[in-house]
Protein backbone atom coordinates (compact mmCIF):
# COMPACT_ATOMS: atom_id res chain seq x y z
CA MET A 1 -11.71 -7.00 5.62
CA LYS A 2 -9.55 -7.34 2.53
CA PRO A 3 -10.04 -4.47 0.08
CA ALA A 4 -9.40 -5.46 -3.50
CA GLY A 5 -9.91 -4.24 -7.01
CA GLY A 6 -7.43 -1.72 -8.23
CA ILE A 7 -5.49 -0.84 -5.09
CA SER A 8 -2.11 -0.73 -6.77
CA LYS A 9 -0.76 2.60 -5.50
CA SER A 10 0.41 3.35 -1.99
CA LYS A 11 -1.44 6.68 -1.95
CA LEU A 12 -4.77 4.91 -2.47
CA ALA A 13 -3.88 2.35 0.21
CA LEU A 14 -3.30 5.23 2.64
CA HIS A 15 -6.78 6.52 1.86
CA TYR A 16 -8.21 3.12 2.83
CA LEU A 17 -6.14 2.99 6.02
CA ILE A 18 -7.36 6.44 7.06
CA MET A 19 -10.96 5.54 6.24
CA VAL A 20 -10.82 2.34 8.31
CA LYS A 21 -9.23 4.14 11.25
CA GLU A 22 -11.81 6.95 11.16
CA VAL A 23 -14.83 4.65 10.77
CA LEU A 24 -13.87 1.50 12.69
CA GLY A 25 -11.05 2.67 14.95
CA GLN A 26 -7.37 1.97 15.56
CA ASP A 27 -8.02 -1.64 16.65
CA TRP A 28 -8.95 -2.59 13.07
CA LEU A 29 -5.56 -1.55 11.71
CA ASN A 30 -3.84 -4.90 12.08
CA ASN A 31 -3.28 -7.85 9.76
CA HIS A 32 -5.95 -9.94 11.48
CA TRP A 33 -8.80 -7.56 10.65
CA PHE A 34 -7.55 -5.52 7.73
CA ARG A 35 -5.11 -6.34 4.94
CA PHE A 36 -4.37 -5.64 1.31
CA GLY A 37 -3.92 -8.39 -1.25
CA ALA A 38 -2.23 -6.72 -4.18
CA SER A 39 1.28 -7.59 -5.30
CA SER A 40 1.32 -4.48 -7.50
CA LEU A 41 0.78 -2.45 -4.31
CA ALA A 42 3.88 -4.07 -2.81
CA ASN A 43 5.90 -2.95 -5.84
CA ASP A 44 4.63 0.62 -5.48
CA VAL A 45 5.48 0.66 -1.77
CA LEU A 46 9.02 -0.47 -2.65
CA LEU A 47 9.29 2.31 -5.23
CA GLN A 48 8.15 4.85 -2.63
CA LEU A 49 10.62 3.56 -0.02
CA VAL A 50 13.52 3.80 -2.48
CA LYS A 51 12.39 7.31 -3.45
CA GLN A 52 12.29 8.30 0.22
CA LYS A 53 15.80 6.94 0.79
CA THR A 54 17.49 8.20 -2.39
CA GLY A 55 15.40 11.25 -3.26
CA ALA A 56 14.70 10.00 -6.79
CA TYR A 57 12.11 7.75 -8.34
CA GLN A 58 13.38 4.49 -9.80
CA SER A 59 12.14 2.71 -12.89
CA ALA A 60 9.53 0.05 -12.20
CA ASP A 61 11.72 -2.20 -14.39
CA TYR A 62 14.02 -2.69 -11.39
CA PHE A 63 11.27 -4.38 -9.39
CA ALA A 64 9.43 -7.67 -9.77
CA ILE A 65 6.33 -7.69 -11.89
CA ASP A 66 3.51 -9.69 -10.30
């Protein structure tokens, strides 16, 4: 399963991960059965990781654009 179409924010990706775990089970949460294919999601995850580490949001200008 590869969800697509507008999954560009990490919060939405978490919703999908929770839904898959609740409906299909923990075994589906691996890159063989379930993966995202959005480079904009990768940028948002990086922004969230930097925010977690530094305590402040960074400008998206500091990260690659698709």
